Amino acid sequence: MPVFKRTYLWILLLSLCMTAGVSAAETGRKTIFYNLTTDESWAAGMALGQAAMALKEGYGVVVFLNVRAVYLADKSHPQDTFSGTSKTAQEMLSALMEQGARVIICPMCMKKAGIEQSDLMSGVEPGGPPVTFPVMTADDTVVISY
């Protein structure tokens, strides 16, 4: 085998090894922004389950909780389990955040729902236009609504 072909193969192999385990931004994968508007367990479970699969595939994931979905992050709000996973939305959200997903919540929706910052599960960050607009409109972001 010619020397330049062996060198090329070694460089290719080295670059493949170096990209293992890198973030979505580093691999050129898009970020998926899940716009979640409901606290209904079937729809919320589908969105969060899909978000978990996207993370496993190497995509960046942002879950935006707004309208009634803000109740999903309220520690004291009773929740049903999603039949596909037998987990509550809070359990699914916690797992997503542990795996690197970002969970943002609408502060105006929180106010309307009577939810305070102290009511939120750990790791959920307040949003608003300065936080959500740059993420939603980035060239490498796809927005999916549930």
C-alpha atoms as a PDB file:
ATOM      1  CA  MET A   1       0.000   0.000   0.000  1.00  0.00           C
ATOM      2  CA  PRO A   2       1.473   3.383  -0.933  1.00  0.00           C
ATOM      3  CA  VAL A   3       2.682   5.525   1.953  1.00  0.00           C
ATOM      4  CA  PHE A   4       0.192   8.348   1.333  1.00  0.00           C
ATOM      5  CA  LYS A   5      -2.741   5.880   1.481  1.00  0.00           C
ATOM      6  CA  ARG A   6      -1.523   4.473   4.812  1.00  0.00           C
ATOM      7  CA  THR A   7      -1.039   7.984   6.147  1.00  0.00           C
ATOM      8  CA  TYR A   8      -4.525   8.956   4.966  1.00  0.00           C
ATOM      9  CA  LEU A   9      -6.041   5.887   6.668  1.00  0.00           C
ATOM     10  CA  TRP A  10      -4.232   6.650   9.936  1.00  0.00           C
ATOM     11  CA  ILE A  11      -5.423  10.251   9.848  1.00  0.00           C
ATOM     12  CA  LEU A  12      -8.986   9.094   9.156  1.00  0.00           C
ATOM     13  CA  LEU A  13      -8.842   6.551  11.978  1.00  0.00           C
ATOM     14  CA  LEU A  14      -7.394   9.118  14.385  1.00  0.00           C
ATOM     15  CA  SER A  15     -10.054  11.693  13.513  1.00  0.00           C
ATOM     16  CA  LEU A  16     -12.831   9.125  14.033  1.00  0.00           C
ATOM     17  CA  CYS A  17     -11.431   8.264  17.458  1.00  0.00           C
ATOM     18  CA  MET A  18     -11.187  11.923  18.397  1.00  0.00           C
ATOM     19  CA  THR A  19     -14.846  12.606  17.551  1.00  0.00           C
ATOM     20  CA  ALA A  20     -16.250   9.811  19.732  1.00  0.00           C
ATOM     21  CA  GLY A  21     -18.266  11.204  22.645  1.00  0.00           C
ATOM     22  CA  VAL A  22     -18.300  14.843  21.522  1.00  0.00           C
ATOM     23  CA  SER A  23     -21.259  17.185  21.824  1.00  0.00           C
ATOM     24  CA  ALA A  24     -23.883  17.860  19.166  1.00  0.00           C
ATOM     25  CA  ALA A  25     -22.287  21.207  18.348  1.00  0.00           C
ATOM     26  CA  GLU A  26     -18.915  19.586  17.788  1.00  0.00           C
ATOM     27  CA  THR A  27     -20.323  16.905  15.488  1.00  0.00           C
ATOM     28  CA  GLY A  28     -22.331  19.334  13.401  1.00  0.00           C
ATOM     29  CA  ARG A  29     -25.618  17.753  14.531  1.00  0.00           C
ATOM     30  CA  LYS A  30     -28.595  20.034  14.880  1.00  0.00           C
ATOM     31  CA  THR A  31     -30.223  21.008  18.144  1.00  0.00           C
ATOM     32  CA  ILE A  32     -33.851  19.991  18.516  1.00  0.00           C
ATOM     33  CA  PHE A  33     -35.980  22.504  20.405  1.00  0.00           C
ATOM     34  CA  TYR A  34     -39.077  20.776  21.806  1.00  0.00           C
ATOM     35  CA  ASN A  35     -41.822  23.350  22.332  1.00  0.00           C
ATOM     36  CA  LEU A  36     -44.052  21.578  24.861  1.00  0.00           C
ATOM     37  CA  THR A  37     -47.406  23.216  25.625  1.00  0.00           C
ATOM     38  CA  THR A  38     -49.352  20.514  27.457  1.00  0.00           C
ATOM     39  CA  ASP A  39     -49.222  18.654  30.745  1.00  0.00           C
ATOM     40  CA  GLU A  40     -51.264  15.781  29.300  1.00  0.00           C
ATOM     41  CA  SER A  41     -49.191  12.645  29.946  1.00  0.00           C
ATOM     42  CA  TRP A  42     -49.521  11.049  26.501  1.00  0.00           C
ATOM     43  CA  ALA A  43     -48.385  14.079  24.479  1.00  0.00           C
ATOM     44  CA  ALA A  44     -45.762  15.147  27.036  1.00  0.00           C
ATOM     45  CA  GLY A  45     -44.450  11.583  27.285  1.00  0.00           C
ATOM     46  CA  MET A  46     -44.142  11.325  23.502  1.00  0.00           C
ATOM     47  CA  ALA A  47     -42.212  14.603  23.312  1.00  0.00           C
ATOM     48  CA  LEU A  48     -39.883  13.719  26.185  1.00  0.00           C
ATOM     49  CA  GLY A  49     -39.365  10.183  24.909  1.00  0.00           C
ATOM     50  CA  GLN A  50     -38.447  11.549  21.499  1.00  0.00           C
ATOM     51  CA  ALA A  51     -36.087  14.032  23.161  1.00  0.00           C
ATOM     52  CA  ALA A  52     -34.359  11.148  24.965  1.00  0.00           C
ATOM     53  CA  MET A  53     -33.884   9.326  21.650  1.00  0.00           C
ATOM     54  CA  ALA A  54     -32.507  12.496  20.045  1.00  0.00           C
ATOM     55  CA  LEU A  55     -29.926  12.813  22.832  1.00  0.00           C
ATOM     56  CA  LYS A  56     -28.865   9.202  22.313  1.00  0.00           C
ATOM     57  CA  GLU A  57     -28.425   9.932  18.594  1.00  0.00           C
ATOM     58  CA  GLY A  58     -26.111  12.856  19.407  1.00  0.00           C
ATOM     59  CA  TYR A  59     -28.445  15.786  18.865  1.00  0.00           C
ATOM     60  CA  GLY A  60     -28.537  18.739  21.205  1.00  0.00           C
ATOM     61  CA  VAL A  61     -31.874  18.949  23.027  1.00  0.00           C
ATOM     62  CA  VAL A  62     -33.747  21.884  24.514  1.00  0.00           C
ATOM     63  CA  VAL A  63     -37.180  21.373  26.080  1.00  0.00           C
ATOM     64  CA  PHE A  64     -39.246  24.532  26.402  1.00  0.00           C
ATOM     65  CA  LEU A  65     -42.124  24.251  28.875  1.00  0.00           C
ATOM     66  CA  ASN A  66     -44.859  26.778  28.237  1.00  0.00           C
ATOM     67  CA  VAL A  67     -48.644  27.192  28.527  1.00  0.00           C
ATOM     68  CA  ARG A  68     -49.861  24.179  30.605  1.00  0.00           C
ATOM     69  CA  ALA A  69     -46.556  22.305  30.300  1.00  0.00           C
ATOM     70  CA  VAL A  70     -45.177  24.460  33.125  1.00  0.00           C
ATOM     71  CA  TYR A  71     -47.037  22.144  35.513  1.00  0.00           C
ATOM     72  CA  LEU A  72     -44.651  19.341  34.500  1.00  0.00           C
ATOM     73  CA  ALA A  73     -41.797  21.074  36.344  1.00  0.00           C
ATOM     74  CA  ASP A  74     -43.840  21.903  39.468  1.00  0.00           C
ATOM     75  CA  LYS A  75     -42.588  19.556  42.219  1.00  0.00           C
ATOM     76  CA  SER A  76     -45.981  19.475  43.957  1.00  0.00           C
ATOM     77  CA  HIS A  77     -48.174  18.975  40.862  1.00  0.00           C
ATOM     78  CA  PRO A  78     -49.567  15.407  40.667  1.00  0.00           C
ATOM     79  CA  GLN A  79     -48.537  13.547  37.517  1.00  0.00           C
ATOM     80  CA  ASP A  80     -49.584  10.449  35.652  1.00  0.00           C
ATOM     81  CA  THR A  81     -47.030   8.100  34.200  1.00  0.00           C
ATOM     82  CA  PHE A  82     -46.455   7.835  30.483  1.00  0.00           C
ATOM     83  CA  SER A  83     -47.416   4.307  29.442  1.00  0.00           C
ATOM     84  CA  GLY A  84     -44.447   4.005  27.073  1.00  0.00           C
ATOM     85  CA  THR A  85     -41.917   4.347  29.894  1.00  0.00           C
ATOM     86  CA  SER A  86     -43.946   4.010  33.126  1.00  0.00           C
ATOM     87  CA  LYS A  87     -42.246   7.234  34.271  1.00  0.00           C
ATOM     88  CA  THR A  88     -43.660  10.620  35.166  1.00  0.00           C
ATOM     89  CA  ALA A  89     -42.734  13.674  33.125  1.00  0.00           C
ATOM     90  CA  GLN A  90     -40.579  14.877  36.029  1.00  0.00           C
ATOM     91  CA  GLU A  91     -38.626  11.617  36.010  1.00  0.00           C
ATOM     92  CA  MET A  92     -38.178  11.944  32.253  1.00  0.00           C
ATOM     93  CA  LEU A  93     -37.150  15.609  32.533  1.00  0.00           C
ATOM     94  CA  SER A  94     -34.612  14.777  35.262  1.00  0.00           C
ATOM     95  CA  ALA A  95     -33.116  12.020  33.120  1.00  0.00           C
ATOM     96  CA  LEU A  96     -32.904  14.365  30.123  1.00  0.00           C
ATOM     97  CA  MET A  97     -31.120  17.042  32.151  1.00  0.00           C
ATOM     98  CA  GLU A  98     -28.707  14.459  33.593  1.00  0.00           C
ATOM     99  CA  GLN A  99     -27.835  13.488  30.009  1.00  0.00           C
ATOM    100  CA  GLY A 100     -27.191  17.091  28.962  1.00  0.00           C
ATOM    101  CA  ALA A 101     -30.540  18.430  27.775  1.00  0.00           C
ATOM    102  CA  ARG A 102     -31.506  21.957  28.660  1.00  0.00           C
ATOM    103  CA  VAL A 103     -34.996  22.571  30.132  1.00  0.00           C
ATOM    104  CA  ILE A 104     -36.327  26.119  29.923  1.00  0.00           C
ATOM    105  CA  ILE A 105     -39.630  27.304  31.377  1.00  0.00           C
ATOM    106  CA  CYS A 106     -41.782  30.291  30.416  1.00  0.00           C
ATOM    107  CA  PRO A 107     -41.891  32.774  33.337  1.00  0.00           C
ATOM    108  CA  MET A 108     -45.154  34.388  32.167  1.00  0.00           C
ATOM    109  CA  CYS A 109     -46.804  30.967  31.993  1.00  0.00           C
ATOM    110  CA  MET A 110     -45.462  30.156  35.469  1.00  0.00           C
ATOM    111  CA  LYS A 111     -47.048  33.330  36.800  1.00  0.00           C
ATOM    112  CA  LYS A 112     -50.392  32.509  35.166  1.00  0.00           C
ATOM    113  CA  ALA A 113     -50.238  28.995  36.668  1.00  0.00           C
ATOM    114  CA  GLY A 114     -49.330  30.316  40.122  1.00  0.00           C
ATOM    115  CA  ILE A 115     -45.943  28.597  40.101  1.00  0.00           C
ATOM    116  CA  GLU A 116     -42.986  30.179  41.900  1.00  0.00           C
ATOM    117  CA  GLN A 117     -39.293  29.544  41.182  1.00  0.00           C
ATOM    118  CA  SER A 118     -39.074  27.630  44.490  1.00  0.00           C
ATOM    119  CA  ASP A 119     -41.791  25.225  43.219  1.00  0.00           C
ATOM    120  CA  LEU A 120     -39.646  24.068  40.295  1.00  0.00           C
ATOM    121  CA  MET A 121     -37.669  20.861  40.129  1.00  0.00           C
ATOM    122  CA  SER A 122     -33.921  21.293  40.153  1.00  0.00           C
ATOM    123  CA  GLY A 123     -32.202  22.198  36.883  1.00  0.00           C
ATOM    124  CA  VAL A 124     -35.119  23.930  35.166  1.00  0.00           C
ATOM    125  CA  GLU A 125     -34.135  27.416  34.059  1.00  0.00           C
ATOM    126  CA  PRO A 126     -36.444  30.417  33.571  1.00  0.00           C
ATOM    127  CA  GLY A 127     -36.712  31.546  29.980  1.00  0.00           C
ATOM    128  CA  GLY A 128     -38.131  34.605  28.307  1.00  0.00           C
ATOM    129  CA  PRO A 129     -37.344  36.137  24.912  1.00  0.00           C
ATOM    130  CA  PRO A 130     -33.641  36.856  25.610  1.00  0.00           C
ATOM    131  CA  VAL A 131     -33.146  33.158  26.466  1.00  0.00           C
ATOM    132  CA  THR A 132     -35.512  31.347  24.111  1.00  0.00           C
ATOM    133  CA  PHE A 133     -35.324  33.420  20.907  1.00  0.00           C
ATOM    134  CA  PRO A 134     -31.586  32.888  20.268  1.00  0.00           C
ATOM    135  CA  VAL A 135     -31.979  29.134  20.793  1.00  0.00           C
ATOM    136  CA  MET A 136     -35.161  28.797  18.688  1.00  0.00           C
ATOM    137  CA  THR A 137     -33.831  30.810  15.776  1.00  0.00           C
ATOM    138  CA  ALA A 138     -30.291  29.458  15.544  1.00  0.00           C
ATOM    139  CA  ASP A 139     -29.399  28.123  12.093  1.00  0.00           C
ATOM    140  CA  ASP A 140     -28.636  24.678  13.503  1.00  0.00           C
ATOM    141  CA  THR A 141     -31.924  24.346  15.426  1.00  0.00           C
ATOM    142  CA  VAL A 142     -35.104  22.512  14.487  1.00  0.00           C
ATOM    143  CA  VAL A 143     -38.263  23.405  16.440  1.00  0.00           C
ATOM    144  CA  ILE A 144     -40.849  20.697  17.094  1.00  0.00           C
ATOM    145  CA  SER A 145     -44.086  21.500  18.940  1.00  0.00           C
ATOM    146  CA  TYR A 146     -46.192  19.239  21.097  1.00  0.00           C
END
